[in-house]
């Protein structure tokens, strides 16, 4: 399948400029195009960031929609995971039985009632799964079809949400699969991250895991976020290649 790589620039919940710059560098390395312009990083509550993020979210949803409708693999790069509020429900419209590989150091499964930080990027997957209402964005992803890989940092209330939603780890063979890769799944010794968590993956583990997913599932889309350290662009580009070659 042909692929279309798109970098989504524009503020979602960016707190530093690094991940947006990394997303653009990765898209350029993969031969992609840039949509939008960099937003101004700031520490803000989710209630401010969500409405401000609408242009970037709409652009991300459009990139997924256009790829799936035209029969090419949509591959998105973006500053942080908040784009999944728009992208994952868009995938469900085209692939109702889709599973999601959530590869990330964090679960991003907080809600307004559980978040200790107010960070939209730490609540976005829960929004996609309908665990809270994100101002008109449809939470249509079945959380039982979401699979955590590499997740090792959950807040207490978030962990309860994950258990209640029955998020799992094991991905069935042969299913249609959308891969969300937050590069902070890598160990901080491999890639400097905005929110570093120890005991992460090395580059070999990342390559092996993505190759296994590519071999065992039908990849329907990929998004890559939080590449805060541009020195890791080549590591990530080589690791994702099996996902993009199907």
Protein backbone atom coordinates (compact mmCIF):
# COMPACT_ATOMS: atom_id res chain seq x y z
CA UNK A 1 0.00 0.00 0.00
CA UNK A 2 1.21 3.49 -0.78
CA UNK A 3 1.61 5.84 2.15
CA UNK A 4 1.02 9.53 2.74
CA UNK A 5 3.07 11.15 5.50
CA UNK A 6 1.71 14.37 7.01
CA UNK A 7 3.14 16.48 9.80
CA UNK A 8 0.44 18.31 11.75
CA UNK A 9 1.75 21.64 13.06
CA UNK A 10 -0.36 23.86 15.28
CA UNK A 11 -0.95 24.00 18.99
CA UNK A 12 -2.72 21.16 20.73
CA UNK A 13 -1.29 20.93 24.26
CA UNK A 14 2.34 21.78 23.45
CA UNK A 15 4.35 22.81 26.48
CA UNK A 16 7.73 22.99 24.72
CA UNK A 17 8.72 23.64 21.09
CA UNK A 18 10.86 20.52 20.76
CA UNK A 19 8.27 17.89 19.86
CA UNK A 20 6.77 19.96 17.07
CA UNK A 21 10.22 20.46 15.60
CA UNK A 22 10.89 16.74 15.94
CA UNK A 23 7.60 15.89 14.23
CA UNK A 24 8.50 18.09 11.29
CA UNK A 25 12.02 16.65 11.04
CA UNK A 26 10.65 13.10 11.06
CA UNK A 27 8.04 13.88 8.40
CA UNK A 28 10.70 15.41 6.20
CA UNK A 29 12.90 12.33 6.72
CA UNK A 30 9.97 10.13 5.62
CA UNK A 31 9.22 12.27 2.58
CA UNK A 32 6.09 13.86 3.99
CA UNK A 33 4.37 17.23 3.83
CA UNK A 34 3.78 19.86 6.50
CA UNK A 35 0.28 21.12 7.32
CA UNK A 36 -0.20 24.19 9.49
CA UNK A 37 2.27 26.29 11.43
CA UNK A 38 3.90 25.95 14.82
CA UNK A 39 1.86 27.18 17.75
CA UNK A 40 3.14 28.94 20.85
CA UNK A 41 4.07 26.49 23.63
CA UNK A 42 2.53 27.18 27.02
CA UNK A 43 1.48 25.39 30.19
CA UNK A 44 -2.30 25.57 30.12
CA UNK A 45 -5.25 23.61 31.45
CA UNK A 46 -7.04 21.18 29.17
CA UNK A 47 -10.14 23.40 29.22
CA UNK A 48 -8.14 26.11 27.45
CA UNK A 49 -6.17 23.83 25.15
CA UNK A 50 -9.07 21.77 23.80
CA UNK A 51 -10.90 24.60 22.00
CA UNK A 52 -7.60 26.15 20.89
CA UNK A 53 -6.53 22.81 19.42
CA UNK A 54 -9.51 22.53 17.06
CA UNK A 55 -7.65 23.63 13.88
CA UNK A 56 -4.87 21.10 14.46
CA UNK A 57 -7.34 18.36 15.40
CA UNK A 58 -9.43 19.03 12.31
CA UNK A 59 -6.31 18.89 10.14
CA UNK A 60 -5.30 15.58 11.71
CA UNK A 61 -8.76 14.08 11.15
CA UNK A 62 -8.73 15.29 7.54
CA UNK A 63 -5.33 13.69 6.89
CA UNK A 64 -6.58 10.33 8.17
CA UNK A 65 -9.86 10.62 6.28
CA UNK A 66 -8.22 11.50 2.97
CA UNK A 67 -5.72 8.69 3.26
CA UNK A 68 -8.28 6.03 4.06
CA UNK A 69 -10.71 7.22 1.40
CA UNK A 70 -8.02 7.21 -1.28
CA UNK A 71 -6.61 3.83 -0.31
CA UNK A 72 -3.23 5.02 0.99
CA UNK A 73 -1.80 4.47 4.44
CA UNK A 74 -2.17 7.63 6.53
CA UNK A 75 0.99 8.35 8.52
CA UNK A 76 0.89 11.36 10.82
CA UNK A 77 3.56 13.04 12.88
CA UNK A 78 2.63 15.58 15.53
CA UNK A 79 3.91 17.28 18.64
CA UNK A 80 1.84 15.38 21.17
CA UNK A 81 -0.73 12.66 21.60
CA UNK A 82 -3.72 14.99 21.73
CA UNK A 83 -4.31 14.49 18.00
CA UNK A 84 -5.79 11.08 18.82
CA UNK A 85 -8.94 12.85 20.03
CA UNK A 86 -9.62 13.41 16.33
CA UNK A 87 -7.71 10.67 14.53
CA UNK A 88 -8.89 7.54 16.31
CA UNK A 89 -12.65 8.20 15.94
CA UNK A 90 -11.98 9.01 12.27
CA UNK A 91 -10.37 5.60 11.81
CA UNK A 92 -13.36 3.92 13.48
CA UNK A 93 -15.65 5.48 10.84
CA UNK A 94 -13.73 3.67 8.11
CA UNK A 95 -12.66 0.54 10.04
CA UNK A 96 -15.32 -0.18 12.69
CA UNK A 97 -13.44 -3.24 13.92
CA UNK A 98 -10.10 -1.48 14.28
CA UNK A 99 -7.77 -2.21 17.17
CA UNK A 100 -5.32 0.37 18.52
CA UNK A 101 -1.74 -0.35 19.57
CA UNK A 102 -1.02 2.37 22.12
CA UNK A 103 2.77 2.45 22.37
CA UNK A 104 3.68 5.01 24.99
CA UNK A 105 5.29 5.39 28.40
CA UNK A 106 1.98 6.88 29.56
CA UNK A 107 -1.63 5.74 29.30
CA UNK A 108 -3.10 9.19 28.55
CA UNK A 109 -6.27 7.82 30.12
CA UNK A 110 -7.01 10.50 32.69
CA UNK A 111 -10.31 12.38 32.73
CA UNK A 112 -11.18 15.84 34.07
CA UNK A 113 -12.04 14.07 37.34
CA UNK A 114 -8.74 12.20 37.68
CA UNK A 115 -6.05 14.39 36.08
CA UNK A 116 -3.52 15.72 38.60
CA UNK A 117 -1.99 18.11 36.04
CA UNK A 118 -4.80 19.32 33.78
CA UNK A 119 -2.68 18.29 30.77
CA UNK A 120 -4.82 17.58 27.70
CA UNK A 121 -2.16 15.24 26.33
CA UNK A 122 -2.63 13.03 29.38
CA UNK A 123 -6.39 12.74 28.80
CA UNK A 124 -6.64 12.27 25.06
CA UNK A 125 -6.99 8.50 24.73
CA UNK A 126 -9.72 8.48 27.36
CA UNK A 127 -11.56 11.10 25.31
CA UNK A 128 -11.27 8.98 22.16
CA UNK A 129 -12.74 6.09 24.12
CA UNK A 130 -15.69 8.13 25.37
CA UNK A 131 -14.60 8.17 29.01
CA UNK A 132 -15.25 11.93 29.07
CA UNK A 133 -16.90 14.29 26.61
CA UNK A 134 -14.33 16.35 24.73
CA UNK A 135 -16.53 19.20 23.50
CA UNK A 136 -18.09 17.57 20.49
CA UNK A 137 -15.29 15.20 19.49
CA UNK A 138 -16.85 11.73 19.32
CA UNK A 139 -15.45 9.19 21.75
CA UNK A 140 -16.20 6.14 19.64
CA UNK A 141 -13.17 3.89 20.19
CA UNK A 142 -13.97 0.63 22.01
CA UNK A 143 -11.45 0.60 24.89
CA UNK A 144 -11.44 -3.20 24.85
CA UNK A 145 -9.78 -2.91 21.44
CA UNK A 146 -7.04 -0.66 22.80
CA UNK A 147 -3.79 -2.39 23.73
CA UNK A 148 -1.07 -0.87 25.90
CA UNK A 149 2.51 -1.61 24.89
CA UNK A 150 5.36 -0.09 26.88
CA UNK A 151 3.03 1.82 29.22
CA UNK A 152 4.68 2.12 32.63
CA UNK A 153 3.44 5.35 34.23
CA UNK A 154 -0.21 5.68 35.26
CA UNK A 155 -1.69 8.04 37.83
CA UNK A 156 -3.78 6.31 40.53
CA UNK A 157 -7.16 7.51 39.26
CA UNK A 158 -6.06 6.88 35.70
CA UNK A 159 -5.17 3.30 36.55
CA UNK A 160 -8.68 2.77 37.89
CA UNK A 161 -10.10 4.15 34.62
CA UNK A 162 -7.92 1.78 32.59
CA UNK A 163 -9.06 -1.21 34.61
CA UNK A 164 -12.73 -0.20 34.41
CA UNK A 165 -12.49 0.27 30.65
CA UNK A 166 -10.82 -3.15 30.23
CA UNK A 167 -7.89 -1.93 28.20
CA UNK A 168 -5.65 -4.91 27.48
CA UNK A 169 -2.13 -5.72 26.31
CA UNK A 170 -2.55 -8.65 23.94
CA UNK A 171 -3.35 -7.89 20.29
CA UNK A 172 -5.16 -10.63 18.32
CA UNK A 173 -3.49 -11.83 15.14
CA UNK A 174 -4.72 -10.52 11.81
CA UNK A 175 -6.83 -7.62 13.05
CA UNK A 176 -6.92 -4.19 11.41
CA UNK A 177 -4.55 -2.16 13.55
CA UNK A 178 -3.88 1.55 14.00
CA UNK A 179 -0.50 2.19 15.61
CA UNK A 180 -0.03 5.16 17.93
CA UNK A 181 3.64 5.62 18.80
CA UNK A 182 4.63 8.15 21.43
CA UNK A 183 8.41 8.06 21.22
CA UNK A 184 8.80 8.48 24.98
CA UNK A 185 8.25 4.73 25.12
CA UNK A 186 12.00 4.75 24.52
CA UNK A 187 14.20 4.85 27.58
CA UNK A 188 15.47 8.35 28.47
CA UNK A 189 18.99 7.07 27.81
CA UNK A 190 17.98 6.54 24.16
CA UNK A 191 15.89 9.68 23.65
CA UNK A 192 15.45 12.76 25.83
CA UNK A 193 11.73 13.19 26.52
CA UNK A 194 9.56 15.97 27.87
CA UNK A 195 8.05 13.53 30.39
CA UNK A 196 10.80 10.92 30.87
CA UNK A 197 10.01 7.59 32.47
CA UNK A 198 12.81 5.14 33.33
CA UNK A 199 12.95 1.48 32.31
CA UNK A 200 11.83 2.13 28.73
CA UNK A 201 12.62 0.38 25.49
CA UNK A 202 15.86 0.52 23.58
CA UNK A 203 16.01 1.00 19.81
CA UNK A 204 16.25 -2.75 19.17
CA UNK A 205 13.11 -3.45 21.20
CA UNK A 206 11.21 -0.74 19.34
CA UNK A 207 12.23 -2.10 15.95
CA UNK A 208 11.34 -5.65 16.94
CA UNK A 209 7.93 -4.70 18.34
CA UNK A 210 6.92 -2.69 15.29
CA UNK A 211 8.13 -5.41 12.92
CA UNK A 212 6.06 -7.94 14.86
CA UNK A 213 2.94 -5.78 14.57
CA UNK A 214 3.52 -5.28 10.85
CA UNK A 215 3.89 -9.02 10.31
CA UNK A 216 0.89 -10.06 12.40
CA UNK A 217 -1.75 -7.41 11.68
CA UNK A 218 -3.19 -5.34 8.85
CA UNK A 219 -1.83 -1.86 9.51
CA UNK A 220 -4.44 0.79 8.65
CA UNK A 221 -2.68 3.89 9.93
CA UNK A 222 0.19 5.21 12.02
CA UNK A 223 0.74 8.31 14.13
CA UNK A 224 4.01 9.28 15.79
CA UNK A 225 4.22 11.89 18.52
CA UNK A 226 6.44 13.51 21.17
CA UNK A 227 9.74 13.25 19.31
CA UNK A 228 11.29 15.87 21.55
CA UNK A 229 14.88 14.96 20.68
CA UNK A 230 15.74 15.46 17.00
CA UNK A 231 18.84 13.31 17.40
CA UNK A 232 16.47 10.32 17.61
CA UNK A 233 14.81 10.99 14.23
CA UNK A 234 16.85 8.35 12.44
CA UNK A 235 16.23 5.76 15.16
CA UNK A 236 12.47 6.28 14.91
CA UNK A 237 12.43 6.46 11.09
CA UNK A 238 14.21 3.11 10.80
CA UNK A 239 12.00 1.50 13.46
CA UNK A 240 8.69 2.49 11.83
CA UNK A 241 9.66 1.39 8.32
CA UNK A 242 8.10 -2.11 8.62
CA UNK A 243 4.74 -0.49 9.45
CA UNK A 244 4.93 1.70 6.34
CA UNK A 245 5.99 -0.96 3.86
CA UNK A 246 2.76 -2.97 3.86
